[in-house]
Amino acid sequence: MEEAGEGKFYAVRTTSGQELNVALLLENRAKARKIPLKSIIVIDRVKGFIFIEAITPLIIDRIIMGLKYVKGRVGGTLSYSDLEYFIVPKSIIESIDVNDIVEIVSGPFRGMKGRVMYVDKAKGEIKVEILEASYPLPITINADYVRIVEKSKSK
């Protein structure tokens, strides 16, 4: 994205659970009134807020005025890097380290916990030693099939 001439992101407070409805209403209103909005972003994990990209805050104020479920604009602006964490999905393998305790969430070992022995980021696989087995039982599984329970203390 270019930084020069780019609009800024503004947060708009909404009624929780009505974010998508507000975004659709804003889109229709912007098209009907020919208001120059660059983008409207609804993030599932952020309840009660939508983010609108525009050149000035006056445009935001003009489009949200009197709209149902809108509580108002939050003061200040956001940059793309502030929202990038929520928009760009991050693979779990990026955050898994050796000696982390993970829980297996899919497959025949679902529900069991294990210690990460090896991480292969290229293949997206990890080698886990099952803690609940009576003897050392290492298995290799896809990193998407685990969730981190406890991070290792040593770095």
C-alpha atoms as a PDB file:
ATOM      1  CA  MET A   1       0.000   0.000   0.000  1.00  0.00           C
ATOM      2  CA  GLU A   2       1.145   3.503  -0.705  1.00  0.00           C
ATOM      3  CA  GLU A   3       1.459   5.832   2.239  1.00  0.00           C
ATOM      4  CA  ALA A   4       1.190   9.082   0.251  1.00  0.00           C
ATOM      5  CA  GLY A   5      -2.372  10.157  -0.485  1.00  0.00           C
ATOM      6  CA  GLU A   6      -3.778   7.210   1.401  1.00  0.00           C
ATOM      7  CA  GLY A   7      -6.856   7.657   3.562  1.00  0.00           C
ATOM      8  CA  LYS A   8      -6.824   7.166   7.287  1.00  0.00           C
ATOM      9  CA  PHE A   9      -8.796   4.565   9.226  1.00  0.00           C
ATOM     10  CA  TYR A  10     -11.395   5.730  11.724  1.00  0.00           C
ATOM     11  CA  ALA A  11     -13.132   3.570  14.335  1.00  0.00           C
ATOM     12  CA  VAL A  12     -16.912   3.830  14.605  1.00  0.00           C
ATOM     13  CA  ARG A  13     -18.720   2.474  17.676  1.00  0.00           C
ATOM     14  CA  THR A  14     -21.778   0.353  16.949  1.00  0.00           C
ATOM     15  CA  THR A  15     -24.232  -1.775  18.853  1.00  0.00           C
ATOM     16  CA  SER A  16     -22.512  -5.098  19.517  1.00  0.00           C
ATOM     17  CA  GLY A  17     -23.649  -7.712  17.032  1.00  0.00           C
ATOM     18  CA  GLN A  18     -24.825  -5.137  14.475  1.00  0.00           C
ATOM     19  CA  GLU A  19     -21.437  -4.447  12.868  1.00  0.00           C
ATOM     20  CA  LEU A  20     -22.226  -6.109   9.531  1.00  0.00           C
ATOM     21  CA  ASN A  21     -25.643  -4.455   9.306  1.00  0.00           C
ATOM     22  CA  VAL A  22     -24.099  -1.033   9.938  1.00  0.00           C
ATOM     23  CA  ALA A  23     -21.428  -1.686   7.291  1.00  0.00           C
ATOM     24  CA  LEU A  24     -24.093  -2.592   4.710  1.00  0.00           C
ATOM     25  CA  LEU A  25     -26.148   0.491   5.588  1.00  0.00           C
ATOM     26  CA  LEU A  26     -23.034   2.670   5.293  1.00  0.00           C
ATOM     27  CA  GLU A  27     -22.174   1.158   1.920  1.00  0.00           C
ATOM     28  CA  ASN A  28     -25.664   1.862   0.566  1.00  0.00           C
ATOM     29  CA  ARG A  29     -25.645   5.396   1.970  1.00  0.00           C
ATOM     30  CA  ALA A  30     -22.192   6.133   0.513  1.00  0.00           C
ATOM     31  CA  LYS A  31     -23.266   4.943  -2.942  1.00  0.00           C
ATOM     32  CA  ALA A  32     -26.538   6.871  -2.862  1.00  0.00           C
ATOM     33  CA  ARG A  33     -24.951  10.143  -1.695  1.00  0.00           C
ATOM     34  CA  LYS A  34     -21.711   9.642  -3.665  1.00  0.00           C
ATOM     35  CA  ILE A  35     -19.624   9.951  -0.485  1.00  0.00           C
ATOM     36  CA  PRO A  36     -15.971   8.990  -1.157  1.00  0.00           C
ATOM     37  CA  LEU A  37     -15.300   6.123   1.274  1.00  0.00           C
ATOM     38  CA  LYS A  38     -12.260   4.002   0.469  1.00  0.00           C
ATOM     39  CA  SER A  39     -13.178   0.949   2.554  1.00  0.00           C
ATOM     40  CA  ILE A  40     -15.379  -0.356   5.357  1.00  0.00           C
ATOM     41  CA  ILE A  41     -13.852  -3.087   7.523  1.00  0.00           C
ATOM     42  CA  VAL A  42     -15.780  -5.417   9.834  1.00  0.00           C
ATOM     43  CA  ILE A  43     -13.594  -7.663  11.994  1.00  0.00           C
ATOM     44  CA  ASP A  44     -15.303 -10.659  13.615  1.00  0.00           C
ATOM     45  CA  ARG A  45     -13.045 -10.625  16.683  1.00  0.00           C
ATOM     46  CA  VAL A  46     -13.662  -6.921  17.416  1.00  0.00           C
ATOM     47  CA  LYS A  47     -17.207  -6.513  18.703  1.00  0.00           C
ATOM     48  CA  GLY A  48     -18.921  -3.128  18.772  1.00  0.00           C
ATOM     49  CA  PHE A  49     -16.637  -1.424  16.245  1.00  0.00           C
ATOM     50  CA  ILE A  50     -16.240  -1.081  12.500  1.00  0.00           C
ATOM     51  CA  PHE A  51     -13.377   0.659  10.749  1.00  0.00           C
ATOM     52  CA  ILE A  52     -13.809   3.068   7.850  1.00  0.00           C
ATOM     53  CA  GLU A  53     -11.068   4.367   5.576  1.00  0.00           C
ATOM     54  CA  ALA A  54     -11.620   7.927   4.384  1.00  0.00           C
ATOM     55  CA  ILE A  55      -9.667  11.073   3.658  1.00  0.00           C
ATOM     56  CA  THR A  56     -11.087  13.230   6.484  1.00  0.00           C
ATOM     57  CA  PRO A  57     -13.123  12.636   9.644  1.00  0.00           C
ATOM     58  CA  LEU A  58     -15.805  14.998   8.328  1.00  0.00           C
ATOM     59  CA  ILE A  59     -16.732  12.394   5.724  1.00  0.00           C
ATOM     60  CA  ILE A  60     -17.181   9.813   8.486  1.00  0.00           C
ATOM     61  CA  ASP A  61     -19.291  12.167  10.592  1.00  0.00           C
ATOM     62  CA  ARG A  62     -21.474  13.000   7.590  1.00  0.00           C
ATOM     63  CA  ILE A  63     -22.144   9.383   6.651  1.00  0.00           C
ATOM     64  CA  ILE A  64     -22.858   8.031  10.170  1.00  0.00           C
ATOM     65  CA  MET A  65     -25.126  10.904  11.251  1.00  0.00           C
ATOM     66  CA  GLY A  66     -28.533   9.574  12.324  1.00  0.00           C
ATOM     67  CA  LEU A  67     -27.782   5.978  11.346  1.00  0.00           C
ATOM     68  CA  LYS A  68     -29.438   3.244  13.393  1.00  0.00           C
ATOM     69  CA  TYR A  69     -27.077   1.162  15.612  1.00  0.00           C
ATOM     70  CA  VAL A  70     -24.236   3.720  15.346  1.00  0.00           C
ATOM     71  CA  LYS A  71     -23.072   5.191  18.658  1.00  0.00           C
ATOM     72  CA  GLY A  72     -20.468   7.562  17.229  1.00  0.00           C
ATOM     73  CA  ARG A  73     -16.955   7.984  15.895  1.00  0.00           C
ATOM     74  CA  VAL A  74     -13.976   7.322  18.138  1.00  0.00           C
ATOM     75  CA  GLY A  75     -11.520  10.224  18.214  1.00  0.00           C
ATOM     76  CA  GLY A  76      -8.160   9.801  16.502  1.00  0.00           C
ATOM     77  CA  THR A  77      -7.026   7.731  13.560  1.00  0.00           C
ATOM     78  CA  LEU A  78      -5.603   4.278  13.031  1.00  0.00           C
ATOM     79  CA  SER A  79      -2.948   3.173  10.587  1.00  0.00           C
ATOM     80  CA  TYR A  80      -3.097   0.070   8.434  1.00  0.00           C
ATOM     81  CA  SER A  81      -0.449  -1.558  10.619  1.00  0.00           C
ATOM     82  CA  ASP A  82      -2.792  -1.203  13.630  1.00  0.00           C
ATOM     83  CA  LEU A  83      -5.482  -3.205  11.824  1.00  0.00           C
ATOM     84  CA  GLU A  84      -3.150  -5.601  10.010  1.00  0.00           C
ATOM     85  CA  TYR A  85      -2.919  -7.881  13.063  1.00  0.00           C
ATOM     86  CA  PHE A  86      -6.667  -8.549  12.839  1.00  0.00           C
ATOM     87  CA  ILE A  87      -6.912  -8.710   9.040  1.00  0.00           C
ATOM     88  CA  VAL A  88      -3.957 -10.887   8.025  1.00  0.00           C
ATOM     89  CA  PRO A  89      -4.309 -14.426   9.373  1.00  0.00           C
ATOM     90  CA  LYS A  90      -1.236 -15.674  11.184  1.00  0.00           C
ATOM     91  CA  SER A  91      -0.400 -19.360  11.083  1.00  0.00           C
ATOM     92  CA  ILE A  92      -0.145 -21.039  14.466  1.00  0.00           C
ATOM     93  CA  ILE A  93       3.196 -22.578  13.501  1.00  0.00           C
ATOM     94  CA  GLU A  94       4.770 -19.116  13.724  1.00  0.00           C
ATOM     95  CA  SER A  95       4.054 -19.005  17.457  1.00  0.00           C
ATOM     96  CA  ILE A  96       4.908 -22.619  18.397  1.00  0.00           C
ATOM     97  CA  ASP A  97       8.323 -23.247  19.939  1.00  0.00           C
ATOM     98  CA  VAL A  98      10.132 -26.360  21.164  1.00  0.00           C
ATOM     99  CA  ASN A  99       9.037 -27.413  24.704  1.00  0.00           C
ATOM    100  CA  ASP A 100       5.651 -25.671  24.439  1.00  0.00           C
ATOM    101  CA  ILE A 101       2.734 -27.644  25.869  1.00  0.00           C
ATOM    102  CA  VAL A 102      -0.023 -28.085  23.271  1.00  0.00           C
ATOM    103  CA  GLU A 103      -3.431 -29.720  23.174  1.00  0.00           C
ATOM    104  CA  ILE A 104      -4.369 -31.732  20.122  1.00  0.00           C
ATOM    105  CA  VAL A 105      -7.735 -30.525  18.818  1.00  0.00           C
ATOM    106  CA  SER A 106      -8.240 -32.865  15.868  1.00  0.00           C
ATOM    107  CA  GLY A 107      -7.514 -36.441  14.843  1.00  0.00           C
ATOM    108  CA  PRO A 108      -7.275 -39.698  16.809  1.00  0.00           C
ATOM    109  CA  PHE A 109      -5.282 -38.077  19.646  1.00  0.00           C
ATOM    110  CA  ARG A 110      -7.834 -35.272  20.136  1.00  0.00           C
ATOM    111  CA  GLY A 111      -7.995 -33.985  23.705  1.00  0.00           C
ATOM    112  CA  MET A 112      -4.510 -35.194  24.640  1.00  0.00           C
ATOM    113  CA  LYS A 113      -1.721 -32.867  25.675  1.00  0.00           C
ATOM    114  CA  GLY A 114       1.857 -33.086  24.557  1.00  0.00           C
ATOM    115  CA  ARG A 115       5.235 -31.383  24.584  1.00  0.00           C
ATOM    116  CA  VAL A 116       6.598 -30.045  21.287  1.00  0.00           C
ATOM    117  CA  MET A 117       9.858 -31.811  20.436  1.00  0.00           C
ATOM    118  CA  TYR A 118      10.512 -30.425  16.930  1.00  0.00           C
ATOM    119  CA  VAL A 119       9.003 -27.744  14.671  1.00  0.00           C
ATOM    120  CA  ASP A 120       9.218 -27.994  10.863  1.00  0.00           C
ATOM    121  CA  LYS A 121       7.960 -24.629   9.631  1.00  0.00           C
ATOM    122  CA  ALA A 122       8.545 -25.506   5.971  1.00  0.00           C
ATOM    123  CA  LYS A 123       6.137 -28.466   6.090  1.00  0.00           C
ATOM    124  CA  GLY A 124       3.856 -26.964   8.740  1.00  0.00           C
ATOM    125  CA  GLU A 125       4.330 -29.994  10.978  1.00  0.00           C
ATOM    126  CA  ILE A 126       5.407 -30.498  14.570  1.00  0.00           C
ATOM    127  CA  LYS A 127       6.625 -33.544  16.491  1.00  0.00           C
ATOM    128  CA  VAL A 128       4.770 -33.910  19.784  1.00  0.00           C
ATOM    129  CA  GLU A 129       5.494 -36.297  22.640  1.00  0.00           C
ATOM    130  CA  ILE A 130       2.185 -37.262  24.241  1.00  0.00           C
ATOM    131  CA  LEU A 131       2.328 -36.550  27.991  1.00  0.00           C
ATOM    132  CA  GLU A 132      -0.577 -38.795  28.944  1.00  0.00           C
ATOM    133  CA  ALA A 133       0.978 -41.975  27.511  1.00  0.00           C
ATOM    134  CA  SER A 134       2.664 -44.422  29.902  1.00  0.00           C
ATOM    135  CA  TYR A 135       5.726 -44.585  27.634  1.00  0.00           C
ATOM    136  CA  PRO A 136       7.314 -41.959  25.324  1.00  0.00           C
ATOM    137  CA  LEU A 137       4.990 -41.670  22.329  1.00  0.00           C
ATOM    138  CA  PRO A 138       6.220 -39.156  19.743  1.00  0.00           C
ATOM    139  CA  ILE A 139       3.850 -38.319  16.874  1.00  0.00           C
ATOM    140  CA  THR A 140       4.176 -35.956  13.937  1.00  0.00           C
ATOM    141  CA  ILE A 141       1.060 -33.897  13.191  1.00  0.00           C
ATOM    142  CA  ASN A 142       0.018 -30.812  11.289  1.00  0.00           C
ATOM    143  CA  ALA A 143       0.444 -27.639  13.362  1.00  0.00           C
ATOM    144  CA  ASP A 144      -3.143 -26.597  12.579  1.00  0.00           C
ATOM    145  CA  TYR A 145      -4.374 -29.539  14.676  1.00  0.00           C
ATOM    146  CA  VAL A 146      -3.032 -28.140  17.971  1.00  0.00           C
ATOM    147  CA  ARG A 147      -3.562 -25.166  20.226  1.00  0.00           C
ATOM    148  CA  ILE A 148      -0.980 -23.814  22.624  1.00  0.00           C
ATOM    149  CA  VAL A 149      -1.793 -24.476  26.286  1.00  0.00           C
ATOM    150  CA  GLU A 150       1.442 -23.258  27.849  1.00  0.00           C
ATOM    151  CA  LYS A 151       4.481 -21.531  26.384  1.00  0.00           C
ATOM    152  CA  SER A 152       7.944 -22.834  27.304  1.00  0.00           C
ATOM    153  CA  LYS A 153       9.725 -20.848  29.975  1.00  0.00           C
ATOM    154  CA  SER A 154      13.210 -21.053  28.394  1.00  0.00           C
ATOM    155  CA  LYS A 155      13.935 -19.048  25.268  1.00  0.00           C
END
